[in-house]
Amino acid sequence: MADNQLTFADLESKVGEELGVSSWIEVDQSMIDSFARTTRDNQWIHVDVERARTESPYHAPIAHGFLTLSLIPALAAEIGTQPQGVSVAINYGLDRLRFLAPVKAGARVRLRSTLISLEERAPGQHLMKSASTMEIEGEERPAFAAETLLLLLTEG
């Protein structure tokens, strides 16, 4: 996690700016299989390596779209966009999510985040909206693009 010294005022001044880019993380077959077990989504295109190589339009197993989406919290924390004084950040949802390209087993992905807005909803509560794009190393199209919503609650 990034050592962040941002204040809310600093973050408000960054509306419309890129907040950062995470490091690359490999989405390997083991991660895909684990996700499939956890979610009980064992569709062959994800977990049957041989069948995916021969029958899939991608000629390889691919990660679940929701697996790549679930990487957002860890990769966003690495970028370090939460300001000082936040006691808890709550996933508030998504707007405009589109899965644009498959992530093949063994591919590496990273998160690119741009701040869309930061609004105070109530005392001690701010809603942060970011444009989140999951890039695939060596690919032109990203895995997905979404507007992510994070409710930031301050201490006290």
C-alpha atoms as a PDB file:
ATOM      1  CA  MET A   1       0.000   0.000   0.000  1.00  0.00           C
ATOM      2  CA  ALA A   2       1.294   3.427  -0.868  1.00  0.00           C
ATOM      3  CA  ASP A   3       2.334   5.727   1.946  1.00  0.00           C
ATOM      4  CA  ASN A   4      -0.157   8.488   1.272  1.00  0.00           C
ATOM      5  CA  GLN A   5      -0.163  11.993   2.671  1.00  0.00           C
ATOM      6  CA  LEU A   6      -3.075  13.297   0.570  1.00  0.00           C
ATOM      7  CA  THR A   7      -5.666  15.505   2.232  1.00  0.00           C
ATOM      8  CA  PHE A   8      -9.254  15.799   1.039  1.00  0.00           C
ATOM      9  CA  ALA A   9      -8.361  19.254  -0.350  1.00  0.00           C
ATOM     10  CA  ASP A  10      -5.456  17.704  -2.287  1.00  0.00           C
ATOM     11  CA  LEU A  11      -7.766  15.055  -3.701  1.00  0.00           C
ATOM     12  CA  GLU A  12     -10.455  17.597  -4.648  1.00  0.00           C
ATOM     13  CA  SER A  13      -7.819  19.488  -6.654  1.00  0.00           C
ATOM     14  CA  LYS A  14      -7.111  16.319  -8.673  1.00  0.00           C
ATOM     15  CA  VAL A  15     -10.589  15.948 -10.199  1.00  0.00           C
ATOM     16  CA  GLY A  16     -10.066  15.107 -13.858  1.00  0.00           C
ATOM     17  CA  GLU A  17      -6.481  13.933 -13.293  1.00  0.00           C
ATOM     18  CA  GLU A  18      -4.927  10.495 -13.350  1.00  0.00           C
ATOM     19  CA  LEU A  19      -4.419   9.279  -9.798  1.00  0.00           C
ATOM     20  CA  GLY A  20      -1.959   6.581 -10.728  1.00  0.00           C
ATOM     21  CA  VAL A  21      -1.169   3.224 -12.240  1.00  0.00           C
ATOM     22  CA  SER A  22      -0.600   0.039 -10.255  1.00  0.00           C
ATOM     23  CA  SER A  23       2.107  -2.513 -10.829  1.00  0.00           C
ATOM     24  CA  TRP A  24       1.432  -5.523 -13.058  1.00  0.00           C
ATOM     25  CA  ILE A  25      -0.114  -8.654 -11.542  1.00  0.00           C
ATOM     26  CA  GLU A  26      -0.248 -12.041 -13.253  1.00  0.00           C
ATOM     27  CA  VAL A  27      -3.621 -13.703 -13.605  1.00  0.00           C
ATOM     28  CA  ASP A  28      -2.488 -17.321 -13.752  1.00  0.00           C
ATOM     29  CA  GLN A  29      -4.507 -20.515 -14.062  1.00  0.00           C
ATOM     30  CA  SER A  30      -4.220 -21.161 -10.338  1.00  0.00           C
ATOM     31  CA  MET A  31      -5.903 -17.807  -9.577  1.00  0.00           C
ATOM     32  CA  ILE A  32      -8.625 -18.555 -12.138  1.00  0.00           C
ATOM     33  CA  ASP A  33      -9.247 -22.019 -10.693  1.00  0.00           C
ATOM     34  CA  SER A  34      -9.404 -20.643  -7.147  1.00  0.00           C
ATOM     35  CA  PHE A  35     -11.893 -17.974  -8.196  1.00  0.00           C
ATOM     36  CA  ALA A  36     -13.984 -20.606  -9.985  1.00  0.00           C
ATOM     37  CA  ARG A  37     -14.099 -22.759  -6.836  1.00  0.00           C
ATOM     38  CA  THR A  38     -15.004 -19.797  -4.647  1.00  0.00           C
ATOM     39  CA  THR A  39     -17.783 -18.513  -6.906  1.00  0.00           C
ATOM     40  CA  ARG A  40     -18.873 -21.938  -8.192  1.00  0.00           C
ATOM     41  CA  ASP A  41     -18.506 -20.642 -11.745  1.00  0.00           C
ATOM     42  CA  ASN A  42     -16.743 -23.615 -13.305  1.00  0.00           C
ATOM     43  CA  GLN A  43     -17.540 -22.877 -16.943  1.00  0.00           C
ATOM     44  CA  TRP A  44     -15.092 -24.785 -19.137  1.00  0.00           C
ATOM     45  CA  ILE A  45     -13.790 -21.638 -20.867  1.00  0.00           C
ATOM     46  CA  HIS A  46     -12.162 -20.762 -17.531  1.00  0.00           C
ATOM     47  CA  VAL A  47     -11.112 -24.064 -15.997  1.00  0.00           C
ATOM     48  CA  ASP A  48     -10.717 -26.716 -18.718  1.00  0.00           C
ATOM     49  CA  VAL A  49      -7.321 -25.807 -20.173  1.00  0.00           C
ATOM     50  CA  GLU A  50      -7.265 -28.389 -22.977  1.00  0.00           C
ATOM     51  CA  ARG A  51     -10.827 -27.760 -24.106  1.00  0.00           C
ATOM     52  CA  ALA A  52     -10.269 -23.985 -24.021  1.00  0.00           C
ATOM     53  CA  ARG A  53      -7.171 -24.387 -26.225  1.00  0.00           C
ATOM     54  CA  THR A  54      -9.096 -26.317 -28.849  1.00  0.00           C
ATOM     55  CA  GLU A  55     -12.686 -25.016 -28.655  1.00  0.00           C
ATOM     56  CA  SER A  56     -12.499 -21.478 -27.302  1.00  0.00           C
ATOM     57  CA  PRO A  57     -12.353 -18.525 -29.707  1.00  0.00           C
ATOM     58  CA  TYR A  58      -9.393 -17.303 -27.577  1.00  0.00           C
ATOM     59  CA  HIS A  59      -7.425 -20.602 -27.856  1.00  0.00           C
ATOM     60  CA  ALA A  60      -6.682 -20.432 -24.127  1.00  0.00           C
ATOM     61  CA  PRO A  61      -8.573 -20.371 -20.855  1.00  0.00           C
ATOM     62  CA  ILE A  62      -9.681 -16.884 -19.822  1.00  0.00           C
ATOM     63  CA  ALA A  63     -10.239 -15.258 -16.459  1.00  0.00           C
ATOM     64  CA  HIS A  64     -13.735 -14.525 -15.255  1.00  0.00           C
ATOM     65  CA  GLY A  65     -14.632 -10.895 -15.827  1.00  0.00           C
ATOM     66  CA  PHE A  66     -15.587 -10.629 -12.170  1.00  0.00           C
ATOM     67  CA  LEU A  67     -12.174 -11.982 -11.159  1.00  0.00           C
ATOM     68  CA  THR A  68     -10.418  -9.088 -12.895  1.00  0.00           C
ATOM     69  CA  LEU A  69     -12.969  -6.705 -11.416  1.00  0.00           C
ATOM     70  CA  SER A  70     -12.281  -8.078  -7.930  1.00  0.00           C
ATOM     71  CA  LEU A  71      -8.627  -7.020  -8.224  1.00  0.00           C
ATOM     72  CA  ILE A  72      -9.592  -3.330  -8.070  1.00  0.00           C
ATOM     73  CA  PRO A  73      -9.432  -2.869  -4.263  1.00  0.00           C
ATOM     74  CA  ALA A  74      -5.905  -4.266  -3.876  1.00  0.00           C
ATOM     75  CA  LEU A  75      -4.534  -2.466  -6.922  1.00  0.00           C
ATOM     76  CA  ALA A  76      -6.242   0.830  -5.977  1.00  0.00           C
ATOM     77  CA  ALA A  77      -4.765   0.551  -2.472  1.00  0.00           C
ATOM     78  CA  GLU A  78      -1.348   0.130  -4.074  1.00  0.00           C
ATOM     79  CA  ILE A  79      -1.873   3.369  -6.004  1.00  0.00           C
ATOM     80  CA  GLY A  80      -2.689   5.083  -2.702  1.00  0.00           C
ATOM     81  CA  THR A  81      -5.533   7.443  -3.496  1.00  0.00           C
ATOM     82  CA  GLN A  82      -7.326   7.576  -0.154  1.00  0.00           C
ATOM     83  CA  PRO A  83      -6.754  10.796   1.769  1.00  0.00           C
ATOM     84  CA  GLN A  84      -5.642  11.088   5.379  1.00  0.00           C
ATOM     85  CA  GLY A  85      -8.325  10.657   8.003  1.00  0.00           C
ATOM     86  CA  VAL A  86     -10.306   7.945   6.226  1.00  0.00           C
ATOM     87  CA  SER A  87     -11.333   5.331   8.778  1.00  0.00           C
ATOM     88  CA  VAL A  88     -13.010   3.022   6.275  1.00  0.00           C
ATOM     89  CA  ALA A  89     -13.569   2.913   2.529  1.00  0.00           C
ATOM     90  CA  ILE A  90     -16.708   1.100   1.406  1.00  0.00           C
ATOM     91  CA  ASN A  91     -17.323  -0.245  -2.093  1.00  0.00           C
ATOM     92  CA  TYR A  92     -20.391   1.759  -3.133  1.00  0.00           C
ATOM     93  CA  GLY A  93     -20.808   0.212  -6.566  1.00  0.00           C
ATOM     94  CA  LEU A  94     -20.076   0.690 -10.239  1.00  0.00           C
ATOM     95  CA  ASP A  95     -21.385   2.781 -13.078  1.00  0.00           C
ATOM     96  CA  ARG A  96     -20.866   2.092 -16.769  1.00  0.00           C
ATOM     97  CA  LEU A  97     -18.987  -1.215 -16.476  1.00  0.00           C
ATOM     98  CA  ARG A  98     -17.973  -2.799 -19.772  1.00  0.00           C
ATOM     99  CA  PHE A  99     -15.858  -5.919 -20.240  1.00  0.00           C
ATOM    100  CA  LEU A 100     -13.874  -5.114 -23.389  1.00  0.00           C
ATOM    101  CA  ALA A 101     -11.273  -7.861 -23.844  1.00  0.00           C
ATOM    102  CA  PRO A 102     -10.590 -11.301 -22.367  1.00  0.00           C
ATOM    103  CA  VAL A 103      -7.724 -11.853 -19.966  1.00  0.00           C
ATOM    104  CA  LYS A 104      -6.016 -15.089 -20.969  1.00  0.00           C
ATOM    105  CA  ALA A 105      -4.496 -17.283 -18.275  1.00  0.00           C
ATOM    106  CA  GLY A 106      -0.932 -16.121 -17.665  1.00  0.00           C
ATOM    107  CA  ALA A 107      -1.566 -12.521 -18.781  1.00  0.00           C
ATOM    108  CA  ARG A 108      -0.559  -9.593 -16.617  1.00  0.00           C
ATOM    109  CA  VAL A 109      -2.936  -6.759 -15.778  1.00  0.00           C
ATOM    110  CA  ARG A 110      -2.696  -3.400 -14.039  1.00  0.00           C
ATOM    111  CA  LEU A 111      -5.126  -0.731 -12.902  1.00  0.00           C
ATOM    112  CA  ARG A 112      -5.160   2.839 -14.213  1.00  0.00           C
ATOM    113  CA  SER A 113      -7.288   5.250 -12.174  1.00  0.00           C
ATOM    114  CA  THR A 114      -8.502   8.784 -12.922  1.00  0.00           C
ATOM    115  CA  LEU A 115     -10.545  10.837 -10.441  1.00  0.00           C
ATOM    116  CA  ILE A 116     -13.942  11.840 -11.859  1.00  0.00           C
ATOM    117  CA  SER A 117     -15.433  13.465  -8.771  1.00  0.00           C
ATOM    118  CA  LEU A 118     -15.290  13.755  -5.005  1.00  0.00           C
ATOM    119  CA  GLU A 119     -18.406  14.988  -3.259  1.00  0.00           C
ATOM    120  CA  GLU A 120     -19.325  15.363   0.374  1.00  0.00           C
ATOM    121  CA  ARG A 121     -22.543  13.399   0.923  1.00  0.00           C
ATOM    122  CA  ALA A 122     -22.903  14.136   4.631  1.00  0.00           C
ATOM    123  CA  PRO A 123     -20.552  15.220   7.402  1.00  0.00           C
ATOM    124  CA  GLY A 124     -17.755  12.659   7.476  1.00  0.00           C
ATOM    125  CA  GLN A 125     -18.891  10.963   4.254  1.00  0.00           C
ATOM    126  CA  HIS A 126     -17.432  11.561   0.816  1.00  0.00           C
ATOM    127  CA  LEU A 127     -18.312   9.744  -2.403  1.00  0.00           C
ATOM    128  CA  MET A 128     -15.318   9.262  -4.671  1.00  0.00           C
ATOM    129  CA  LYS A 129     -15.932   8.358  -8.329  1.00  0.00           C
ATOM    130  CA  SER A 130     -13.000   7.149 -10.425  1.00  0.00           C
ATOM    131  CA  ALA A 131     -12.561   5.972 -13.990  1.00  0.00           C
ATOM    132  CA  SER A 132     -10.952   2.563 -13.556  1.00  0.00           C
ATOM    133  CA  THR A 133      -9.368   0.759 -16.473  1.00  0.00           C
ATOM    134  CA  MET A 134      -7.776  -2.689 -16.203  1.00  0.00           C
ATOM    135  CA  GLU A 135      -5.030  -2.810 -18.806  1.00  0.00           C
ATOM    136  CA  ILE A 136      -3.670  -6.067 -20.219  1.00  0.00           C
ATOM    137  CA  GLU A 137       0.065  -6.117 -20.874  1.00  0.00           C
ATOM    138  CA  GLY A 138       0.789  -6.157 -24.604  1.00  0.00           C
ATOM    139  CA  GLU A 139      -2.864  -5.710 -25.589  1.00  0.00           C
ATOM    140  CA  GLU A 140      -4.431  -2.665 -27.191  1.00  0.00           C
ATOM    141  CA  ARG A 141      -7.837  -3.059 -25.541  1.00  0.00           C
ATOM    142  CA  PRO A 142      -8.271  -3.107 -21.764  1.00  0.00           C
ATOM    143  CA  ALA A 143      -9.998  -5.938 -19.936  1.00  0.00           C
ATOM    144  CA  PHE A 144     -12.646  -3.531 -18.689  1.00  0.00           C
ATOM    145  CA  ALA A 145     -13.514   0.076 -18.103  1.00  0.00           C
ATOM    146  CA  ALA A 146     -15.778   1.180 -15.258  1.00  0.00           C
ATOM    147  CA  GLU A 147     -16.638   4.080 -13.060  1.00  0.00           C
ATOM    148  CA  THR A 148     -15.977   2.887  -9.527  1.00  0.00           C
ATOM    149  CA  LEU A 149     -17.695   4.421  -6.519  1.00  0.00           C
ATOM    150  CA  LEU A 150     -16.080   4.463  -3.094  1.00  0.00           C
ATOM    151  CA  LEU A 151     -17.717   5.837   0.052  1.00  0.00           C
ATOM    152  CA  LEU A 152     -15.022   7.325   2.282  1.00  0.00           C
ATOM    153  CA  LEU A 153     -15.871   7.649   5.977  1.00  0.00           C
ATOM    154  CA  THR A 154     -13.658   9.862   8.101  1.00  0.00           C
ATOM    155  CA  GLU A 155     -12.478   9.210  11.638  1.00  0.00           C
ATOM    156  CA  GLY A 156     -14.283  10.735  14.542  1.00  0.00           C
END
